[in-house]
Protein backbone atom coordinates (compact mmCIF):
# COMPACT_ATOMS: atom_id res chain seq x y z
CA GLN A 1 90.19 85.92 128.47
CA VAL A 2 87.49 85.63 131.11
CA GLN A 3 84.11 86.44 129.91
CA LEU A 4 81.67 87.75 132.03
CA VAL A 5 77.43 87.76 130.91
CA GLU A 6 75.54 88.81 134.09
CA SER A 7 71.93 88.91 134.51
CA GLY A 8 69.68 90.06 137.55
CA GLY A 9 68.59 93.76 138.49
CA GLY A 10 66.42 95.66 138.23
CA LEU A 11 63.93 98.31 140.24
CA VAL A 12 62.96 97.37 143.34
CA GLN A 13 61.11 99.50 146.59
CA ALA A 14 63.57 99.53 149.73
CA GLY A 15 63.33 97.30 152.09
CA GLY A 16 63.06 94.53 148.46
CA SER A 17 65.57 91.87 147.76
CA LEU A 18 67.41 91.10 144.51
CA ARG A 19 69.17 88.38 143.18
CA LEU A 20 72.43 89.13 140.64
CA SER A 21 74.77 86.96 138.70
CA CYS A 22 77.49 86.96 136.84
CA ALA A 23 77.96 83.31 134.46
CA ALA A 24 82.16 83.13 133.45
CA SER A 25 84.01 81.49 130.98
CA GLY A 26 87.09 80.69 129.71
CA PRO A 27 89.89 79.31 131.84
CA THR A 28 89.48 78.24 135.20
CA LEU A 29 88.39 79.82 138.34
CA ASP A 30 90.55 79.23 141.04
CA SER A 31 93.50 81.24 140.38
CA PHE A 32 90.49 84.05 140.19
CA ALA A 33 88.71 86.19 142.61
CA MET A 34 85.05 87.75 141.71
CA GLY A 35 83.93 90.32 142.93
CA TRP A 36 80.80 93.29 142.31
CA LEU A 37 81.17 96.26 142.29
CA ARG A 38 79.26 99.17 141.85
CA ARG A 39 79.03 102.92 140.17
CA ALA A 40 76.25 105.23 141.21
CA PRO A 41 76.43 108.97 139.61
CA GLY A 42 78.81 111.60 141.15
CA ASN A 43 80.37 108.00 142.99
CA ASP A 44 83.63 106.93 142.35
CA GLY A 45 82.92 103.29 142.75
CA GLU A 46 82.28 101.20 145.24
CA ARG A 47 83.53 96.83 145.75
CA VAL A 48 80.99 95.42 147.23
CA ALA A 49 81.70 92.32 147.19
CA SER A 50 83.88 89.66 146.99
CA ILE A 51 85.04 86.00 146.95
CA ILE A 52 88.25 84.53 146.46
CA TRP A 53 86.97 81.51 144.16
CA LYS A 54 89.85 78.71 145.23
CA ASP A 55 88.48 78.89 149.39
CA GLY A 56 85.18 80.83 149.12
CA THR A 57 86.56 83.55 151.29
CA THR A 58 84.66 86.55 151.10
CA TYR A 59 84.72 90.25 151.86
CA TYR A 60 81.76 92.47 152.35
CA ALA A 61 81.46 96.42 152.25
CA GLN A 62 80.63 97.68 155.13
CA SER A 63 77.63 99.39 153.50
CA VAL A 64 76.10 96.04 152.41
CA LYS A 65 77.76 93.82 155.70
CA GLY A 66 74.61 91.79 156.90
CA ARG A 67 72.58 92.73 153.83
CA PHE A 68 74.32 91.33 150.86
CA THR A 69 75.76 88.11 150.13
CA ILE A 70 78.14 86.33 147.96
CA PHE A 71 78.36 82.75 147.15
CA ARG A 72 79.07 81.81 143.91
CA ASP A 73 78.05 77.42 142.43
CA SER A 74 81.75 76.50 141.17
CA ALA A 75 79.68 73.67 138.66
CA GLN A 76 78.65 76.80 136.51
CA SER A 77 81.11 78.89 137.42
CA THR A 78 78.39 81.72 138.77
CA VAL A 79 78.57 84.05 141.29
CA HIS A 80 75.36 85.63 142.57
CA LEU A 81 75.20 89.02 144.80
CA GLN A 82 71.63 88.32 146.87
CA MET A 83 70.68 91.89 148.18
CA SER A 84 68.58 91.81 150.90
CA ASP A 85 66.75 95.22 152.98
CA LEU A 86 67.75 96.96 149.78
CA LYS A 87 67.76 100.93 150.32
CA PRO A 88 67.43 103.80 147.87
CA GLU A 89 71.27 103.93 148.68
CA ASP A 90 72.26 100.99 146.78
CA THR A 91 71.15 102.40 143.57
CA ALA A 92 73.59 101.81 141.10
CA ILE A 93 74.83 100.23 137.84
CA TYR A 94 76.30 97.11 139.36
CA TYR A 95 79.24 95.22 137.19
CA CYS A 96 81.00 91.85 137.99
CA ALA A 97 84.60 91.80 138.06
CA ALA A 98 87.41 89.02 137.70
CA ARG A 99 90.65 89.93 138.77
CA VAL A 100 94.15 87.21 139.21
CA LEU A 101 94.78 86.71 142.99
CA SER A 102 98.37 87.72 142.55
CA VAL A 103 96.86 91.00 140.63
CA GLY A 104 95.29 93.81 142.54
CA ASP A 105 93.31 95.51 139.81
CA TYR A 106 89.61 93.91 138.26
CA SER A 107 91.25 92.90 134.89
CA TYR A 108 87.91 91.65 133.78
CA TRP A 109 84.44 93.32 133.88
CA GLY A 110 80.92 92.15 132.89
CA GLN A 111 78.51 94.71 130.64
CA GLY A 112 77.05 96.22 134.01
CA THR A 113 72.98 95.97 134.94
CA GLN A 114 71.11 98.68 136.42
CA VAL A 115 70.24 98.40 140.18
CA THR A 116 67.46 101.15 141.18
CA VAL A 117 65.03 101.24 144.48
CA SER A 118 62.22 102.93 144.85
CA SER A 119 61.68 104.52 148.06
């Protein structure tokens, strides 16, 4: 079992920055991918960014490319999402999640953290 604990989030003005962090505990993460997903009211949800823990390969949704950066701290088993140039449409609950690389779905989830961007 992987346990995920998120921190960060909050209220920020448009154009501002925030950093989300997700501390993982449990088995080694070498066979996992870690992701940040978000859900806004009325939306289905979106995978914002993800990273393959072992080799650092990243993915970004088109909506956040150039503004968000996902990176990992292997020593701390923590994945971060640095968000810059935030827009009101980035407002959502952000979830940290983990999936085994051989499995398509994210099986482990954090509790979620609210990000609100005011215009």
